[in-house]
PDB file of N, CA and C in Angstrom:
ATOM      1  N   UNK A   1    -123.742 -57.765  59.591  1.00  0.00           N
ATOM      2  CA  UNK A   1    -124.470 -57.359  60.772  1.00  0.00           C
ATOM      3  C   UNK A   1    -124.447 -55.838  60.855  1.00  0.00           C
ATOM      4  N   UNK A   2    -125.561 -55.257  61.155  1.00  0.00           N
ATOM      5  CA  UNK A   2    -125.658 -53.811  61.313  1.00  0.00           C
ATOM      6  C   UNK A   2    -125.061 -53.391  62.654  1.00  0.00           C
ATOM      7  N   UNK A   3    -124.556 -52.201  62.696  1.00  0.00           N
ATOM      8  CA  UNK A   3    -123.941 -51.687  63.912  1.00  0.00           C
ATOM      9  C   UNK A   3    -124.924 -51.683  65.084  1.00  0.00           C
ATOM     10  N   UNK A   4    -126.184 -51.394  64.811  1.00  0.00           N
ATOM     11  CA  UNK A   4    -127.202 -51.361  65.870  1.00  0.00           C
ATOM     12  C   UNK A   4    -127.485 -52.750  66.445  1.00  0.00           C
ATOM     13  N   UNK A   5    -127.206 -53.805  65.675  1.00  0.00           N
ATOM     14  CA  UNK A   5    -127.460 -55.172  66.132  1.00  0.00           C
ATOM     15  C   UNK A   5    -126.280 -55.787  66.872  1.00  0.00           C
ATOM     16  N   UNK A   6    -125.190 -55.077  66.961  1.00  0.00           N
ATOM     17  CA  UNK A   6    -123.977 -55.622  67.555  1.00  0.00           C
ATOM     18  C   UNK A   6    -124.191 -56.074  69.002  1.00  0.00           C
ATOM     19  N   UNK A   7    -124.853 -55.254  69.792  1.00  0.00           N
ATOM     20  CA  UNK A   7    -125.061 -55.608  71.204  1.00  0.00           C
ATOM     21  C   UNK A   7    -126.089 -56.740  71.372  1.00  0.00           C
ATOM     22  N   UNK A   8    -126.946 -56.941  70.385  1.00  0.00           N
ATOM     23  CA  UNK A   8    -127.958 -57.993  70.462  1.00  0.00           C
ATOM     24  C   UNK A   8    -127.324 -59.372  70.266  1.00  0.00           C
ATOM     25  N   UNK A   9    -126.403 -59.473  69.318  1.00  0.00           N
ATOM     26  CA  UNK A   9    -125.826 -60.766  68.958  1.00  0.00           C
ATOM     27  C   UNK A   9    -124.440 -61.026  69.544  1.00  0.00           C
ATOM     28  N   UNK A  10    -123.918 -60.092  70.320  1.00  0.00           N
ATOM     29  CA  UNK A  10    -122.599 -60.303  70.908  1.00  0.00           C
ATOM     30  C   UNK A  10    -122.471 -59.510  72.202  1.00  0.00           C
ATOM     31  N   UNK A  11    -121.356 -59.696  72.860  1.00  0.00           N
ATOM     32  CA  UNK A  11    -121.061 -58.981  74.102  1.00  0.00           C
ATOM     33  C   UNK A  11    -120.326 -57.658  73.823  1.00  0.00           C
ATOM     34  N   UNK A  12    -120.145 -57.337  72.539  1.00  0.00           N
ATOM     35  CA  UNK A  12    -119.395 -56.141  72.160  1.00  0.00           C
ATOM     36  C   UNK A  12    -120.267 -54.896  72.245  1.00  0.00           C
ATOM     37  N   UNK A  13    -119.616 -53.765  72.432  1.00  0.00           N
ATOM     38  CA  UNK A  13    -120.314 -52.478  72.423  1.00  0.00           C
ATOM     39  C   UNK A  13    -119.509 -51.501  71.574  1.00  0.00           C
ATOM     40  N   UNK A  14    -120.121 -50.404  71.217  1.00  0.00           N
ATOM     41  CA  UNK A  14    -119.448 -49.393  70.407  1.00  0.00           C
ATOM     42  C   UNK A  14    -119.320 -48.101  71.192  1.00  0.00           C
ATOM     43  N   UNK A  15    -118.321 -47.327  70.847  1.00  0.00           N
ATOM     44  CA  UNK A  15    -118.087 -46.024  71.467  1.00  0.00           C
ATOM     45  C   UNK A  15    -117.701 -45.029  70.387  1.00  0.00           C
ATOM     46  N   UNK A  16    -117.964 -43.779  70.642  1.00  0.00           N
ATOM     47  CA  UNK A  16    -117.522 -42.704  69.760  1.00  0.00           C
ATOM     48  C   UNK A  16    -116.227 -42.132  70.323  1.00  0.00           C
ATOM     49  N   UNK A  17    -115.265 -41.904  69.453  1.00  0.00           N
ATOM     50  CA  UNK A  17    -113.983 -41.362  69.870  1.00  0.00           C
ATOM     51  C   UNK A  17    -113.812 -39.994  69.224  1.00  0.00           C
ATOM     52  N   UNK A  18    -113.580 -38.989  70.042  1.00  0.00           N
ATOM     53  CA  UNK A  18    -113.278 -37.656  69.538  1.00  0.00           C
ATOM     54  C   UNK A  18    -111.771 -37.478  69.563  1.00  0.00           C
ATOM     55  N   UNK A  19    -111.232 -36.991  68.459  1.00  0.00           N
ATOM     56  CA  UNK A  19    -109.788 -36.812  68.371  1.00  0.00           C
ATOM     57  C   UNK A  19    -109.447 -35.334  68.231  1.00  0.00           C
ATOM     58  N   UNK A  20    -108.254 -34.996  68.678  1.00  0.00           N
ATOM     59  CA  UNK A  20    -107.766 -33.621  68.585  1.00  0.00           C
ATOM     60  C   UNK A  20    -106.259 -33.670  68.381  1.00  0.00           C
ATOM     61  N   UNK A  21    -105.778 -32.833  67.496  1.00  0.00           N
ATOM     62  CA  UNK A  21    -104.346 -32.687  67.308  1.00  0.00           C
ATOM     63  C   UNK A  21    -104.050 -31.193  67.222  1.00  0.00           C
ATOM     64  N   UNK A  22    -102.969 -30.776  67.865  1.00  0.00           N
ATOM     65  CA  UNK A  22    -102.521 -29.389  67.814  1.00  0.00           C
ATOM     66  C   UNK A  22    -101.276 -29.341  66.945  1.00  0.00           C
ATOM     67  N   UNK A  23    -101.268 -28.392  66.010  1.00  0.00           N
ATOM     68  CA  UNK A  23    -100.180 -28.271  65.057  1.00  0.00           C
ATOM     69  C   UNK A  23     -99.566 -26.879  65.187  1.00  0.00           C
ATOM     70  N   UNK A  24     -98.242 -26.818  65.185  1.00  0.00           N
ATOM     71  CA  UNK A  24     -97.561 -25.527  65.173  1.00  0.00           C
ATOM     72  C   UNK A  24     -97.802 -24.873  63.824  1.00  0.00           C
ATOM     73  N   UNK A  25     -98.327 -23.649  63.837  1.00  0.00           N
ATOM     74  CA  UNK A  25     -98.620 -22.927  62.608  1.00  0.00           C
ATOM     75  C   UNK A  25     -98.421 -21.441  62.865  1.00  0.00           C
ATOM     76  N   UNK A  26     -97.527 -20.807  62.112  1.00  0.00           N
ATOM     77  CA  UNK A  26     -97.203 -19.402  62.368  1.00  0.00           C
ATOM     78  C   UNK A  26     -97.768 -18.443  61.324  1.00  0.00           C
ATOM     79  N   UNK A  27     -98.465 -18.962  60.338  1.00  0.00           N
ATOM     80  CA  UNK A  27     -99.027 -18.103  59.291  1.00  0.00           C
ATOM     81  C   UNK A  27    -100.353 -17.501  59.710  1.00  0.00           C
ATOM     82  N   UNK A  28    -100.899 -16.674  58.828  1.00  0.00           N
ATOM     83  CA  UNK A  28    -102.203 -16.064  59.086  1.00  0.00           C
ATOM     84  C   UNK A  28    -103.296 -17.117  58.922  1.00  0.00           C
ATOM     85  N   UNK A  29    -104.265 -17.098  59.817  1.00  0.00           N
ATOM     86  CA  UNK A  29    -105.338 -18.082  59.796  1.00  0.00           C
ATOM     87  C   UNK A  29    -106.187 -17.941  58.534  1.00  0.00           C
ATOM     88  N   UNK A  30    -106.390 -16.716  58.071  1.00  0.00           N
ATOM     89  CA  UNK A  30    -107.152 -16.481  56.850  1.00  0.00           C
ATOM     90  C   UNK A  30    -106.461 -17.057  55.617  1.00  0.00           C
ATOM     91  N   UNK A  31    -105.130 -16.986  55.595  1.00  0.00           N
ATOM     92  CA  UNK A  31    -104.367 -17.563  54.485  1.00  0.00           C
ATOM     93  C   UNK A  31    -104.534 -19.079  54.470  1.00  0.00           C
ATOM     94  N   UNK A  32    -104.489 -19.684  55.649  1.00  0.00           N
ATOM     95  CA  UNK A  32    -104.682 -21.132  55.748  1.00  0.00           C
ATOM     96  C   UNK A  32    -106.054 -21.524  55.198  1.00  0.00           C
ATOM     97  N   UNK A  33    -107.080 -20.802  55.609  1.00  0.00           N
ATOM     98  CA  UNK A  33    -108.430 -21.107  55.136  1.00  0.00           C
ATOM     99  C   UNK A  33    -108.515 -20.955  53.619  1.00  0.00           C
ATOM    100  N   UNK A  34    -107.938 -19.897  53.081  1.00  0.00           N
ATOM    101  CA  UNK A  34    -107.950 -19.667  51.631  1.00  0.00           C
ATOM    102  C   UNK A  34    -107.248 -20.803  50.886  1.00  0.00           C
ATOM    103  N   UNK A  35    -106.083 -21.216  51.368  1.00  0.00           N
ATOM    104  CA  UNK A  35    -105.341 -22.302  50.721  1.00  0.00           C
ATOM    105  C   UNK A  35    -106.102 -23.625  50.794  1.00  0.00           C
ATOM    106  N   UNK A  36    -106.729 -23.899  51.929  1.00  0.00           N
ATOM    107  CA  UNK A  36    -107.470 -25.154  52.070  1.00  0.00           C
ATOM    108  C   UNK A  36    -108.727 -25.155  51.192  1.00  0.00           C
ATOM    109  N   UNK A  37    -109.313 -23.971  50.948  1.00  0.00           N
ATOM    110  CA  UNK A  37    -110.451 -23.891  50.024  1.00  0.00           C
ATOM    111  C   UNK A  37    -110.028 -24.268  48.612  1.00  0.00           C
ATOM    112  N   UNK A  38    -108.771 -24.018  48.276  1.00  0.00           N
ATOM    113  CA  UNK A  38    -108.271 -24.383  46.960  1.00  0.00           C
ATOM    114  C   UNK A  38    -108.061 -25.892  46.834  1.00  0.00           C
ATOM    115  N   UNK A  39    -107.872 -26.570  47.957  1.00  0.00           N
ATOM    116  CA  UNK A  39    -107.581 -28.008  47.954  1.00  0.00           C
ATOM    117  C   UNK A  39    -108.844 -28.828  48.185  1.00  0.00           C
ATOM    118  N   UNK A  40    -109.649 -28.452  49.153  1.00  0.00           N
ATOM    119  CA  UNK A  40    -110.830 -29.219  49.545  1.00  0.00           C
ATOM    120  C   UNK A  40    -112.100 -28.558  49.014  1.00  0.00           C
ATOM    121  N   UNK A  41    -113.112 -29.363  48.720  1.00  0.00           N
ATOM    122  CA  UNK A  41    -114.359 -28.848  48.158  1.00  0.00           C
ATOM    123  C   UNK A  41    -115.162 -28.019  49.148  1.00  0.00           C
ATOM    124  N   UNK A  42    -115.215 -28.460  50.395  1.00  0.00           N
ATOM    125  CA  UNK A  42    -116.098 -27.835  51.366  1.00  0.00           C
ATOM    126  C   UNK A  42    -115.304 -27.309  52.564  1.00  0.00           C
ATOM    127  N   UNK A  43    -115.161 -25.978  52.628  1.00  0.00           N
ATOM    128  CA  UNK A  43    -114.544 -25.303  53.775  1.00  0.00           C
ATOM    129  C   UNK A  43    -115.484 -24.178  54.161  1.00  0.00           C
ATOM    130  N   UNK A  44    -116.082 -24.287  55.362  1.00  0.00           N
ATOM    131  CA  UNK A  44    -117.103 -23.330  55.788  1.00  0.00           C
ATOM    132  C   UNK A  44    -116.739 -22.721  57.132  1.00  0.00           C
ATOM    133  N   UNK A  45    -116.902 -21.411  57.259  1.00  0.00           N
ATOM    134  CA  UNK A  45    -116.642 -20.716  58.521  1.00  0.00           C
ATOM    135  C   UNK A  45    -117.666 -21.121  59.567  1.00  0.00           C
ATOM    136  N   UNK A  46    -117.231 -21.106  60.819  1.00  0.00           N
ATOM    137  CA  UNK A  46    -118.130 -21.366  61.941  1.00  0.00           C
ATOM    138  C   UNK A  46    -118.354 -20.076  62.708  1.00  0.00           C
ATOM    139  N   UNK A  47    -119.544 -19.872  63.257  1.00  0.00           N
ATOM    140  CA  UNK A  47    -119.781 -18.684  64.089  1.00  0.00           C
ATOM    141  C   UNK A  47    -118.870 -18.706  65.318  1.00  0.00           C
ATOM    142  N   UNK A  48    -118.433 -17.523  65.756  1.00  0.00           N
ATOM    143  CA  UNK A  48    -117.518 -17.433  66.895  1.00  0.00           C
ATOM    144  C   UNK A  48    -118.106 -18.016  68.177  1.00  0.00           C
ATOM    145  N   UNK A  49    -119.428 -17.852  68.384  1.00  0.00           N
ATOM    146  CA  UNK A  49    -120.021 -18.363  69.628  1.00  0.00           C
ATOM    147  C   UNK A  49    -120.026 -19.890  69.662  1.00  0.00           C
ATOM    148  N   UNK A  50    -120.033 -20.531  68.501  1.00  0.00           N
ATOM    149  CA  UNK A  50    -120.016 -21.997  68.458  1.00  0.00           C
ATOM    150  C   UNK A  50    -118.609 -22.550  68.672  1.00  0.00           C
ATOM    151  N   UNK A  51    -117.598 -21.804  68.256  1.00  0.00           N
ATOM    152  CA  UNK A  51    -116.244 -22.353  68.249  1.00  0.00           C
ATOM    153  C   UNK A  51    -115.269 -21.647  69.174  1.00  0.00           C
ATOM    154  N   UNK A  52    -115.706 -20.642  69.917  1.00  0.00           N
ATOM    155  CA  UNK A  52    -114.852 -19.906  70.844  1.00  0.00           C
ATOM    156  C   UNK A  52    -113.648 -19.290  70.137  1.00  0.00           C
ATOM    157  N   UNK A  53    -113.885 -18.607  69.038  1.00  0.00           N
ATOM    158  CA  UNK A  53    -112.817 -17.963  68.275  1.00  0.00           C
ATOM    159  C   UNK A  53    -112.884 -18.360  66.819  1.00  0.00           C
ATOM    160  N   UNK A  54    -111.935 -17.855  66.022  1.00  0.00           N
ATOM    161  CA  UNK A  54    -111.947 -18.184  64.591  1.00  0.00           C
ATOM    162  C   UNK A  54    -111.830 -19.689  64.362  1.00  0.00           C
ATOM    163  N   UNK A  55    -112.691 -20.200  63.489  1.00  0.00           N
ATOM    164  CA  UNK A  55    -112.672 -21.632  63.181  1.00  0.00           C
ATOM    165  C   UNK A  55    -113.422 -21.874  61.886  1.00  0.00           C
ATOM    166  N   UNK A  56    -113.127 -22.996  61.258  1.00  0.00           N
ATOM    167  CA  UNK A  56    -113.873 -23.414  60.087  1.00  0.00           C
ATOM    168  C   UNK A  56    -113.964 -24.925  60.055  1.00  0.00           C
ATOM    169  N   UNK A  57    -114.941 -25.408  59.276  1.00  0.00           N
ATOM    170  CA  UNK A  57    -115.191 -26.842  59.178  1.00  0.00           C
ATOM    171  C   UNK A  57    -114.861 -27.309  57.764  1.00  0.00           C
ATOM    172  N   UNK A  58    -114.182 -28.452  57.672  1.00  0.00           N
ATOM    173  CA  UNK A  58    -113.796 -29.032  56.389  1.00  0.00           C
ATOM    174  C   UNK A  58    -114.624 -30.293  56.170  1.00  0.00           C
ATOM    175  N   UNK A  59    -115.327 -30.341  55.048  1.00  0.00           N
ATOM    176  CA  UNK A  59    -116.171 -31.485  54.659  1.00  0.00           C
ATOM    177  C   UNK A  59    -117.165 -31.887  55.737  1.00  0.00           C
ATOM    178  N   UNK A  60    -117.616 -30.935  56.521  1.00  0.00           N
ATOM    179  CA  UNK A  60    -118.598 -31.163  57.587  1.00  0.00           C
ATOM    180  C   UNK A  60    -118.159 -32.241  58.573  1.00  0.00           C
ATOM    181  N   UNK A  61    -116.851 -32.503  58.639  1.00  0.00           N
ATOM    182  CA  UNK A  61    -116.336 -33.562  59.508  1.00  0.00           C
ATOM    183  C   UNK A  61    -115.277 -33.071  60.478  1.00  0.00           C
ATOM    184  N   UNK A  62    -114.417 -32.177  60.027  1.00  0.00           N
ATOM    185  CA  UNK A  62    -113.300 -31.715  60.837  1.00  0.00           C
ATOM    186  C   UNK A  62    -113.435 -30.226  61.127  1.00  0.00           C
ATOM    187  N   UNK A  63    -113.082 -29.847  62.331  1.00  0.00           N
ATOM    188  CA  UNK A  63    -113.072 -28.439  62.708  1.00  0.00           C
ATOM    189  C   UNK A  63    -111.630 -28.008  62.900  1.00  0.00           C
ATOM    190  N   UNK A  64    -111.261 -26.905  62.261  1.00  0.00           N
ATOM    191  CA  UNK A  64    -109.931 -26.318  62.415  1.00  0.00           C
ATOM    192  C   UNK A  64    -110.111 -25.048  63.232  1.00  0.00           C
ATOM    193  N   UNK A  65    -109.425 -24.962  64.386  1.00  0.00           N
ATOM    194  CA  UNK A  65    -109.568 -23.818  65.286  1.00  0.00           C
ATOM    195  C   UNK A  65    -108.242 -23.084  65.436  1.00  0.00           C
ATOM    196  N   UNK A  66    -108.343 -21.768  65.513  1.00  0.00           N
ATOM    197  CA  UNK A  66    -107.194 -20.920  65.803  1.00  0.00           C
ATOM    198  C   UNK A  66    -107.005 -20.921  67.313  1.00  0.00           C
ATOM    199  N   UNK A  67    -105.904 -21.474  67.789  1.00  0.00           N
ATOM    200  CA  UNK A  67    -105.655 -21.553  69.227  1.00  0.00           C
ATOM    201  C   UNK A  67    -104.818 -20.379  69.730  1.00  0.00           C
ATOM    202  N   UNK A  68    -103.744 -20.039  68.991  1.00  0.00           N
ATOM    203  CA  UNK A  68    -102.872 -18.926  69.369  1.00  0.00           C
ATOM    204  C   UNK A  68    -102.089 -18.503  68.132  1.00  0.00           C
ATOM    205  N   UNK A  69    -101.193 -17.538  68.291  1.00  0.00           N
ATOM    206  CA  UNK A  69    -100.389 -17.078  67.168  1.00  0.00           C
ATOM    207  C   UNK A  69     -99.473 -18.173  66.627  1.00  0.00           C
ATOM    208  N   UNK A  70     -99.252 -19.211  67.410  1.00  0.00           N
ATOM    209  CA  UNK A  70     -98.318 -20.256  67.006  1.00  0.00           C
ATOM    210  C   UNK A  70     -98.943 -21.634  66.865  1.00  0.00           C
ATOM    211  N   UNK A  71    -100.253 -21.762  67.103  1.00  0.00           N
ATOM    212  CA  UNK A  71    -100.882 -23.084  67.076  1.00  0.00           C
ATOM    213  C   UNK A  71    -102.291 -23.043  66.494  1.00  0.00           C
ATOM    214  N   UNK A  72    -102.642 -24.118  65.809  1.00  0.00           N
ATOM    215  CA  UNK A  72    -104.016 -24.386  65.417  1.00  0.00           C
ATOM    216  C   UNK A  72    -104.338 -25.796  65.895  1.00  0.00           C
ATOM    217  N   UNK A  73    -105.612 -26.109  65.992  1.00  0.00           N
ATOM    218  CA  UNK A  73    -105.985 -27.466  66.392  1.00  0.00           C
ATOM    219  C   UNK A  73    -107.054 -28.006  65.458  1.00  0.00           C
ATOM    220  N   UNK A  74    -107.032 -29.307  65.277  1.00  0.00           N
ATOM    221  CA  UNK A  74    -108.022 -30.021  64.482  1.00  0.00           C
ATOM    222  C   UNK A  74    -108.819 -30.914  65.416  1.00  0.00           C
ATOM    223  N   UNK A  75    -110.138 -30.946  65.226  1.00  0.00           N
ATOM    224  CA  UNK A  75    -111.029 -31.756  66.046  1.00  0.00           C
ATOM    225  C   UNK A  75    -111.936 -32.561  65.129  1.00  0.00           C
ATOM    226  N   UNK A  76    -112.115 -33.854  65.436  1.00  0.00           N
ATOM    227  CA  UNK A  76    -113.015 -34.682  64.635  1.00  0.00           C
ATOM    228  C   UNK A  76    -113.436 -35.918  65.414  1.00  0.00           C
ATOM    229  N   UNK A  77    -114.590 -36.477  65.024  1.00  0.00           N
ATOM    230  CA  UNK A  77    -115.050 -37.757  65.565  1.00  0.00           C
ATOM    231  C   UNK A  77    -114.459 -38.848  64.690  1.00  0.00           C
ATOM    232  N   UNK A  78    -113.859 -39.809  65.320  1.00  0.00           N
ATOM    233  CA  UNK A  78    -113.125 -40.829  64.589  1.00  0.00           C
ATOM    234  C   UNK A  78    -114.049 -41.788  63.850  1.00  0.00           C
ATOM    235  N   UNK A  79    -113.809 -41.914  62.566  1.00  0.00           N
ATOM    236  CA  UNK A  79    -114.390 -42.940  61.705  1.00  0.00           C
ATOM    237  C   UNK A  79    -113.457 -43.028  60.502  1.00  0.00           C
ATOM    238  N   UNK A  80    -113.557 -44.055  59.700  1.00  0.00           N
ATOM    239  CA  UNK A  80    -112.584 -44.222  58.613  1.00  0.00           C
ATOM    240  C   UNK A  80    -112.492 -43.028  57.657  1.00  0.00           C
ATOM    241  N   UNK A  81    -113.619 -42.434  57.302  1.00  0.00           N
ATOM    242  CA  UNK A  81    -113.584 -41.310  56.359  1.00  0.00           C
ATOM    243  C   UNK A  81    -112.999 -40.066  57.013  1.00  0.00           C
ATOM    244  N   UNK A  82    -113.444 -39.747  58.215  1.00  0.00           N
ATOM    245  CA  UNK A  82    -112.914 -38.574  58.913  1.00  0.00           C
ATOM    246  C   UNK A  82    -111.422 -38.716  59.177  1.00  0.00           C
ATOM    247  N   UNK A  83    -110.975 -39.912  59.483  1.00  0.00           N
ATOM    248  CA  UNK A  83    -109.549 -40.135  59.703  1.00  0.00           C
ATOM    249  C   UNK A  83    -108.748 -39.917  58.423  1.00  0.00           C
ATOM    250  N   UNK A  84    -109.282 -40.341  57.282  1.00  0.00           N
ATOM    251  CA  UNK A  84    -108.591 -40.097  56.005  1.00  0.00           C
ATOM    252  C   UNK A  84    -108.550 -38.610  55.677  1.00  0.00           C
ATOM    253  N   UNK A  85    -109.670 -37.922  55.912  1.00  0.00           N
ATOM    254  CA  UNK A  85    -109.708 -36.481  55.657  1.00  0.00           C
ATOM    255  C   UNK A  85    -108.747 -35.762  56.595  1.00  0.00           C
ATOM    256  N   UNK A  86    -108.694 -36.174  57.854  1.00  0.00           N
ATOM    257  CA  UNK A  86    -107.776 -35.527  58.796  1.00  0.00           C
ATOM    258  C   UNK A  86    -106.321 -35.743  58.392  1.00  0.00           C
ATOM    259  N   UNK A  87    -105.986 -36.943  57.930  1.00  0.00           N
ATOM    260  CA  UNK A  87    -104.616 -37.198  57.470  1.00  0.00           C
ATOM    261  C   UNK A  87    -104.243 -36.278  56.315  1.00  0.00           C
ATOM    262  N   UNK A  88    -105.136 -36.154  55.339  1.00  0.00           N
ATOM    263  CA  UNK A  88    -104.837 -35.298  54.195  1.00  0.00           C
ATOM    264  C   UNK A  88    -104.815 -33.823  54.596  1.00  0.00           C
ATOM    265  N   UNK A  89    -105.647 -33.444  55.557  1.00  0.00           N
ATOM    266  CA  UNK A  89    -105.668 -32.064  56.029  1.00  0.00           C
ATOM    267  C   UNK A  89    -104.378 -31.726  56.770  1.00  0.00           C
ATOM    268  N   UNK A  90    -103.904 -32.630  57.603  1.00  0.00           N
ATOM    269  CA  UNK A  90    -102.655 -32.402  58.342  1.00  0.00           C
ATOM    270  C   UNK A  90    -101.483 -32.238  57.371  1.00  0.00           C
ATOM    271  N   UNK A  91    -101.392 -33.118  56.380  1.00  0.00           N
ATOM    272  CA  UNK A  91    -100.321 -33.014  55.387  1.00  0.00           C
ATOM    273  C   UNK A  91    -100.440 -31.703  54.621  1.00  0.00           C
ATOM    274  N   UNK A  92    -101.649 -31.315  54.247  1.00  0.00           N
ATOM    275  CA  UNK A  92    -101.848 -30.057  53.520  1.00  0.00           C
ATOM    276  C   UNK A  92    -101.412 -28.866  54.356  1.00  0.00           C
ATOM    277  N   UNK A  93    -101.766 -28.856  55.635  1.00  0.00           N
ATOM    278  CA  UNK A  93    -101.378 -27.755  56.526  1.00  0.00           C
ATOM    279  C   UNK A  93     -99.857 -27.694  56.646  1.00  0.00           C
ATOM    280  N   UNK A  94     -99.220 -28.828  56.805  1.00  0.00           N
ATOM    281  CA  UNK A  94     -97.758 -28.835  56.922  1.00  0.00           C
ATOM    282  C   UNK A  94     -97.097 -28.358  55.629  1.00  0.00           C
ATOM    283  N   UNK A  95     -97.633 -28.739  54.478  1.00  0.00           N
ATOM    284  CA  UNK A  95     -97.088 -28.253  53.204  1.00  0.00           C
ATOM    285  C   UNK A  95     -97.297 -26.753  53.039  1.00  0.00           C
ATOM    286  N   UNK A  96     -98.458 -26.248  53.448  1.00  0.00           N
ATOM    287  CA  UNK A  96     -98.713 -24.809  53.411  1.00  0.00           C
ATOM    288  C   UNK A  96     -97.727 -24.088  54.310  1.00  0.00           C
ATOM    289  N   UNK A  97     -97.460 -24.631  55.480  1.00  0.00           N
ATOM    290  CA  UNK A  97     -96.505 -24.043  56.405  1.00  0.00           C
ATOM    291  C   UNK A  97     -95.105 -24.010  55.798  1.00  0.00           C
ATOM    292  N   UNK A  98     -94.716 -25.073  55.097  1.00  0.00           N
ATOM    293  CA  UNK A  98     -93.410 -25.093  54.430  1.00  0.00           C
ATOM    294  C   UNK A  98     -93.339 -23.996  53.368  1.00  0.00           C
ATOM    295  N   UNK A  99     -94.414 -23.835  52.602  1.00  0.00           N
ATOM    296  CA  UNK A  99     -94.438 -22.782  51.581  1.00  0.00           C
ATOM    297  C   UNK A  99     -94.342 -21.390  52.205  1.00  0.00           C
ATOM    298  N   UNK A 100     -95.055 -21.185  53.295  1.00  0.00           N
ATOM    299  CA  UNK A 100     -95.035 -19.875  53.966  1.00  0.00           C
ATOM    300  C   UNK A 100     -93.631 -19.577  54.489  1.00  0.00           C
ATOM    301  N   UNK A 101     -93.019 -20.543  55.143  1.00  0.00           N
ATOM    302  CA  UNK A 101     -91.695 -20.293  55.743  1.00  0.00           C
ATOM    303  C   UNK A 101     -90.599 -20.214  54.687  1.00  0.00           C
ATOM    304  N   UNK A 102     -90.779 -20.820  53.534  1.00  0.00           N
ATOM    305  CA  UNK A 102     -89.752 -20.748  52.503  1.00  0.00           C
ATOM    306  C   UNK A 102     -89.707 -19.374  51.847  1.00  0.00           C
ATOM    307  N   UNK A 103     -90.810 -18.594  51.912  1.00  0.00           N
ATOM    308  CA  UNK A 103     -90.824 -17.254  51.352  1.00  0.00           C
ATOM    309  C   UNK A 103     -90.281 -16.214  52.330  1.00  0.00           C
ATOM    310  N   UNK A 104     -90.122 -16.579  53.586  1.00  0.00           N
ATOM    311  CA  UNK A 104     -89.636 -15.632  54.595  1.00  0.00           C
ATOM    312  C   UNK A 104     -88.134 -15.541  54.603  1.00  0.00           C
TER     313      UNK A 104
END
């Protein structure tokens, strides 16, 4: 059954879920972007007026935003692929953070 036919043949409905996670990150935002470009195929900068500050998009699904000197946030619409990409992105960010702090 197609997703568009769900309401026709059943009492079920669908909703879009937007997710956000904030991660403690003390490194330079540019370094994070550079490291993620080495891991992921598609990392593109976003204009400041669209994202309210430095931000970039990974695989056209997830947005990584600079929140403060100690935090970044990830934003995405929930679906199986975006959730898998977000999981791998979170692990990558945490590993990058471990590498940064181990050199200090």
